[in-house]
Amino acid sequence: MKINLNRPICFFDLETTGAKVGKDRIVEIAILRVDIDKTESQKVWRINPEMEISTQATQVHGITNEMIKSEPNFAYYSDEIYQFIKDCDLSGFNAIKFDIPILVEELIRANIQFDFTDVRMIDSQVIYHKKEPRNLSAALRYYCDKDLENAHSALDDTIAAYEVFKAQLEKYDDLEPDMDFLNEYSKRNNNLDFAGKIRLDADNDATFAFGKYTGQKVVDVFKIDLGYYSWIMKGDFPEYTKKIFTNLKLSITNSK
């Protein structure tokens, strides 16, 4: 793989109960880890989400409620998964918008403290859409001249995302084989959270990206309307988003 690694990178894919980041759970996770010496290792976990898998989700990935009812829950595997990705950068296809946010939610529920602040995130879908907008199957065919036989199998999708990423680095000379560059290139916008509810403004301050205070600085709003913070905490927002809002609220208290 034509890239300069100064720490391992984990390519991964999730199969879930549905498509809502704050609500749905993981039923399967596959991770392909590439170490600094380019050694590769793979792991797959099948998980009981402790909730019903939607019919729509089963139609996509083929995993039924019956198939996972005897599997351990995410908390059971959480430390093992955490240790496998610890101190690694993360990558996948549509990972920044979907897979990483859901993984973060699961880690929070399992009380695993994972600091994503310094984790570089490379999204092959963002690169692909900026270069050749289509889906993973088309990307694999375009870049690797291969057909994705088992689409929506977590491991097959993970391997496909990895192969597409390697081919992209070979194809585009302007894609620097540098993790910082690719992390920046993979960003869709200046979101502070994965759900896109908090965005950094020109002053690098957190602002609301939704609701009646859209565009206003979060700290300024909380100073005059703390009830809005309470409403967010009671609402159907991802736990990671709530965590950031809480940290912003605490910064007001700590600055006094």
Protein backbone atom coordinates (compact mmCIF):
# COMPACT_ATOMS: atom_id res chain seq x y z
CA MET A 1 0.00 0.00 0.00
CA LYS A 2 1.45 3.34 -1.10
CA ILE A 3 1.07 5.35 2.10
CA ASN A 4 3.32 6.56 4.86
CA LEU A 5 2.03 5.25 8.18
CA ASN A 6 3.27 6.56 11.51
CA ARG A 7 0.68 4.50 13.38
CA PRO A 8 -1.67 1.65 12.42
CA ILE A 9 -4.84 2.24 10.44
CA CYS A 10 -8.05 0.20 10.85
CA PHE A 11 -10.47 -0.25 7.97
CA PHE A 12 -13.87 -1.35 9.21
CA ASP A 13 -17.51 -1.82 8.31
CA LEU A 14 -20.66 -2.27 10.39
CA GLU A 15 -23.92 -4.08 9.84
CA THR A 16 -26.62 -2.59 12.04
CA THR A 17 -30.25 -2.82 13.13
CA GLY A 18 -31.08 0.28 11.09
CA ALA A 19 -29.73 3.61 9.85
CA LYS A 20 -30.31 5.96 12.81
CA VAL A 21 -27.02 6.84 14.51
CA GLY A 22 -28.48 7.72 17.90
CA LYS A 23 -30.88 4.78 18.04
CA ASP A 24 -29.66 1.74 16.11
CA ARG A 25 -27.07 -0.81 17.21
CA ILE A 26 -24.31 -2.94 15.72
CA VAL A 27 -25.03 -6.55 14.75
CA GLU A 28 -21.70 -7.22 13.05
CA ILE A 29 -18.37 -5.43 12.90
CA ALA A 30 -15.38 -6.37 10.76
CA ILE A 31 -12.00 -4.69 11.13
CA LEU A 32 -8.92 -4.99 8.93
CA ARG A 33 -5.91 -3.52 10.72
CA VAL A 34 -2.77 -2.46 8.84
CA ASP A 35 0.23 -1.92 11.08
CA ILE A 36 3.14 0.44 10.42
CA ASP A 37 5.14 -2.40 8.85
CA LYS A 38 2.11 -3.05 6.57
CA THR A 39 1.27 -6.31 8.37
CA GLU A 40 -2.46 -7.00 8.03
CA SER A 41 -4.82 -8.67 10.51
CA GLN A 42 -8.60 -9.18 10.44
CA LYS A 43 -11.29 -9.68 13.05
CA VAL A 44 -15.06 -10.11 12.85
CA TRP A 45 -17.58 -9.95 15.71
CA ARG A 46 -21.24 -10.97 15.45
CA ILE A 47 -23.24 -9.13 18.14
CA ASN A 48 -26.64 -9.30 19.80
CA PRO A 49 -27.89 -5.69 19.61
CA GLU A 50 -30.53 -6.29 22.30
CA MET A 51 -33.14 -4.77 20.02
CA GLU A 52 -35.02 -5.85 16.91
CA ILE A 53 -33.26 -5.69 13.55
CA SER A 54 -35.47 -3.80 11.13
CA THR A 55 -36.82 -5.68 8.14
CA GLN A 56 -35.16 -3.13 5.86
CA ALA A 57 -31.77 -3.72 7.49
CA THR A 58 -32.10 -7.51 7.21
CA GLN A 59 -32.93 -7.13 3.53
CA VAL A 60 -29.64 -5.26 3.11
CA HIS A 61 -27.20 -7.40 5.11
CA GLY A 62 -29.07 -10.69 5.49
CA ILE A 63 -28.64 -10.95 9.28
CA THR A 64 -31.85 -11.90 11.09
CA ASN A 65 -32.88 -11.62 14.73
CA GLU A 66 -32.74 -15.40 14.99
CA MET A 67 -29.13 -15.49 13.79
CA ILE A 68 -27.83 -13.22 16.56
CA LYS A 69 -30.09 -14.01 19.52
CA SER A 70 -27.44 -16.22 21.19
CA GLU A 71 -24.51 -13.89 20.52
CA PRO A 72 -22.98 -11.70 23.28
CA ASN A 73 -23.87 -8.02 23.37
CA PHE A 74 -21.53 -5.18 22.40
CA ALA A 75 -20.44 -4.53 25.98
CA TYR A 76 -19.07 -8.08 26.12
CA TYR A 77 -16.76 -7.40 23.18
CA SER A 78 -16.21 -3.70 23.79
CA ASP A 79 -12.79 -3.90 25.44
CA GLU A 80 -11.52 -6.39 22.85
CA ILE A 81 -12.68 -4.11 20.02
CA TYR A 82 -11.23 -1.06 21.76
CA GLN A 83 -7.84 -2.71 22.24
CA PHE A 84 -7.76 -3.68 18.56
CA ILE A 85 -8.36 -0.10 17.34
CA LYS A 86 -6.61 1.74 20.16
CA ASP A 87 -3.95 4.22 18.95
CA CYS A 88 -5.02 3.63 15.34
CA ASP A 89 -6.42 5.86 12.65
CA LEU A 90 -9.77 4.80 11.19
CA SER A 91 -11.01 4.31 7.66
CA GLY A 92 -13.89 2.83 5.71
CA PHE A 93 -16.47 3.56 3.03
CA ASN A 94 -18.97 6.15 4.34
CA ALA A 95 -17.25 5.70 7.70
CA ILE A 96 -17.27 9.33 8.84
CA LYS A 97 -21.00 9.81 8.32
CA PHE A 98 -22.25 6.41 9.49
CA ASP A 99 -19.88 3.70 10.80
CA ILE A 100 -17.67 5.81 13.08
CA PRO A 101 -20.59 7.68 14.73
CA ILE A 102 -22.42 4.42 15.50
CA LEU A 103 -19.22 2.83 16.85
CA VAL A 104 -18.72 5.88 19.09
CA GLU A 105 -22.25 5.52 20.44
CA GLU A 106 -21.68 1.85 21.26
CA LEU A 107 -18.39 2.60 23.03
CA ILE A 108 -20.05 5.30 25.11
CA ARG A 109 -22.85 2.91 26.14
CA ALA A 110 -20.19 0.34 27.14
CA ASN A 111 -18.39 2.98 29.25
CA ILE A 112 -15.26 2.77 27.10
CA GLN A 113 -13.40 6.06 27.17
CA PHE A 114 -12.13 6.57 23.62
CA ASP A 115 -10.67 9.96 22.73
CA PHE A 116 -11.35 10.60 19.04
CA THR A 117 -9.76 14.05 19.10
CA ASP A 118 -6.47 12.94 17.54
CA VAL A 119 -7.83 10.06 15.46
CA ARG A 120 -7.38 10.72 11.75
CA MET A 121 -10.35 9.53 9.71
CA ILE A 122 -10.04 8.58 6.07
CA ASP A 123 -13.24 7.99 4.12
CA SER A 124 -12.85 6.23 0.78
CA GLN A 125 -16.40 7.26 -0.13
CA VAL A 126 -15.56 10.96 0.23
CA ILE A 127 -12.48 10.50 -1.95
CA TYR A 128 -14.52 8.47 -4.41
CA HIS A 129 -17.39 10.95 -4.58
CA LYS A 130 -14.96 13.79 -5.14
CA LYS A 131 -13.26 11.82 -7.90
CA GLU A 132 -15.83 9.38 -9.35
CA PRO A 133 -19.25 9.71 -7.62
CA ARG A 134 -20.89 6.22 -7.24
CA ASN A 135 -21.27 3.39 -4.69
CA LEU A 136 -18.86 0.79 -3.25
CA SER A 137 -19.64 -1.90 -5.85
CA ALA A 138 -19.05 0.56 -8.69
CA ALA A 139 -15.90 1.82 -6.96
CA LEU A 140 -14.47 -1.69 -6.71
CA ARG A 141 -15.28 -2.34 -10.36
CA TYR A 142 -13.86 1.03 -11.47
CA TYR A 143 -10.65 1.00 -9.45
CA CYS A 144 -9.92 -2.72 -9.11
CA ASP A 145 -11.81 -4.29 -12.04
CA LYS A 146 -13.55 -6.63 -9.59
CA ASP A 147 -17.17 -7.42 -8.77
CA LEU A 148 -18.36 -7.26 -5.15
CA GLU A 149 -19.93 -10.71 -4.88
CA ASN A 150 -21.20 -10.46 -1.30
CA ALA A 151 -22.19 -6.83 -0.92
CA HIS A 152 -23.28 -5.90 2.62
CA SER A 153 -21.31 -8.71 4.22
CA ALA A 154 -19.27 -6.73 6.75
CA LEU A 155 -15.95 -8.44 6.01
CA ASP A 156 -16.39 -8.38 2.21
CA ASP A 157 -17.34 -4.69 2.33
CA THR A 158 -14.38 -3.98 4.62
CA ILE A 159 -11.92 -5.71 2.29
CA ALA A 160 -13.50 -3.96 -0.71
CA ALA A 161 -13.10 -0.56 0.98
CA TYR A 162 -9.46 -1.38 1.70
CA GLU A 163 -8.77 -2.43 -1.89
CA VAL A 164 -10.50 0.67 -3.26
CA PHE A 165 -8.44 2.88 -0.95
CA LYS A 166 -5.16 1.30 -2.08
CA ALA A 167 -6.16 1.68 -5.73
CA GLN A 168 -7.12 5.33 -5.21
CA LEU A 169 -3.66 6.07 -3.84
CA GLU A 170 -2.12 4.47 -6.91
CA LYS A 171 -4.42 6.20 -9.40
CA TYR A 172 -4.41 9.82 -8.20
CA ASP A 173 -1.01 11.51 -8.01
CA ASP A 174 -2.50 14.47 -6.12
CA LEU A 175 -3.58 12.22 -3.23
CA GLU A 176 -0.60 12.52 -0.94
CA PRO A 177 0.24 9.22 0.85
CA ASP A 178 0.11 11.05 4.15
CA MET A 179 -2.44 10.47 6.91
CA ASP A 180 -2.84 14.16 7.83
CA PHE A 181 -3.50 15.09 4.20
CA LEU A 182 -6.01 12.25 3.70
CA ASN A 183 -7.74 13.04 7.00
CA GLU A 184 -8.26 16.62 5.81
CA TYR A 185 -9.30 15.49 2.33
CA SER A 186 -11.93 13.13 3.78
CA LYS A 187 -13.74 15.87 5.67
CA ARG A 188 -17.17 16.79 4.29
CA ASN A 189 -17.50 19.95 6.36
CA ASN A 190 -16.33 21.55 9.58
CA ASN A 191 -18.49 19.51 11.96
CA LEU A 192 -17.41 19.13 15.57
CA ASP A 193 -19.58 16.06 16.11
CA PHE A 194 -20.37 13.13 13.83
CA ALA A 195 -24.09 13.90 13.53
CA GLY A 196 -23.45 17.37 12.12
CA LYS A 197 -25.32 19.18 14.89
CA ILE A 198 -22.32 21.29 16.01
CA ARG A 199 -20.12 23.15 13.55
CA LEU A 200 -16.99 25.27 13.93
CA ASP A 201 -17.28 28.83 12.65
CA ALA A 202 -14.61 31.15 11.24
CA ASP A 203 -13.44 31.89 14.80
CA ASN A 204 -13.08 28.14 15.46
CA ASP A 205 -15.94 28.35 17.97
CA ALA A 206 -18.70 25.75 18.26
CA THR A 207 -21.99 26.87 16.70
CA PHE A 208 -25.41 25.27 16.32
CA ALA A 209 -26.02 23.61 12.95
CA PHE A 210 -29.73 23.00 13.60
CA GLY A 211 -32.81 24.56 15.16
CA LYS A 212 -33.69 28.09 16.12
CA TYR A 213 -30.13 28.99 17.07
CA THR A 214 -28.53 27.83 13.82
CA GLY A 215 -25.26 29.67 13.24
CA GLN A 216 -25.06 31.05 16.78
CA LYS A 217 -22.22 30.17 19.15
CA VAL A 218 -23.21 27.39 21.53
CA VAL A 219 -21.57 28.95 24.58
CA ASP A 220 -23.30 32.30 23.99
CA VAL A 221 -26.70 30.58 23.67
CA PHE A 222 -26.22 28.51 26.83
CA LYS A 223 -25.38 31.68 28.77
CA ILE A 224 -28.83 33.14 28.03
CA ASP A 225 -30.93 30.00 27.47
CA LEU A 226 -29.75 27.08 29.58
CA GLY A 227 -33.13 25.47 29.04
CA TYR A 228 -32.08 24.76 25.47
CA TYR A 229 -29.26 22.60 26.83
CA SER A 230 -31.78 20.70 28.98
CA TRP A 231 -33.99 20.19 25.94
CA ILE A 232 -31.05 18.75 23.99
CA MET A 233 -30.16 16.36 26.83
CA LYS A 234 -33.74 15.02 26.85
CA GLY A 235 -33.94 14.83 23.07
CA ASP A 236 -33.18 12.10 20.55
CA PHE A 237 -29.61 13.22 19.90
CA PRO A 238 -26.57 10.89 19.71
CA GLU A 239 -24.74 10.46 23.00
CA TYR A 240 -21.49 11.78 21.51
CA THR A 241 -23.25 14.98 20.44
CA LYS A 242 -24.70 15.36 23.94
CA LYS A 243 -21.24 14.80 25.40
CA ILE A 244 -19.81 17.70 23.38
CA PHE A 245 -22.69 19.97 24.35
CA THR A 246 -22.08 19.05 28.01
CA ASN A 247 -18.37 19.88 27.71
CA LEU A 248 -19.27 23.25 26.16
CA LYS A 249 -21.71 23.95 29.00
CA LEU A 250 -19.08 23.02 31.59
CA SER A 251 -16.59 25.37 29.94
CA ILE A 252 -18.86 28.25 30.90
CA THR A 253 -18.80 27.23 34.57
CA ASN A 254 -15.05 26.61 34.57
CA SER A 255 -14.34 30.02 33.04
CA LYS A 256 -16.06 31.88 35.89
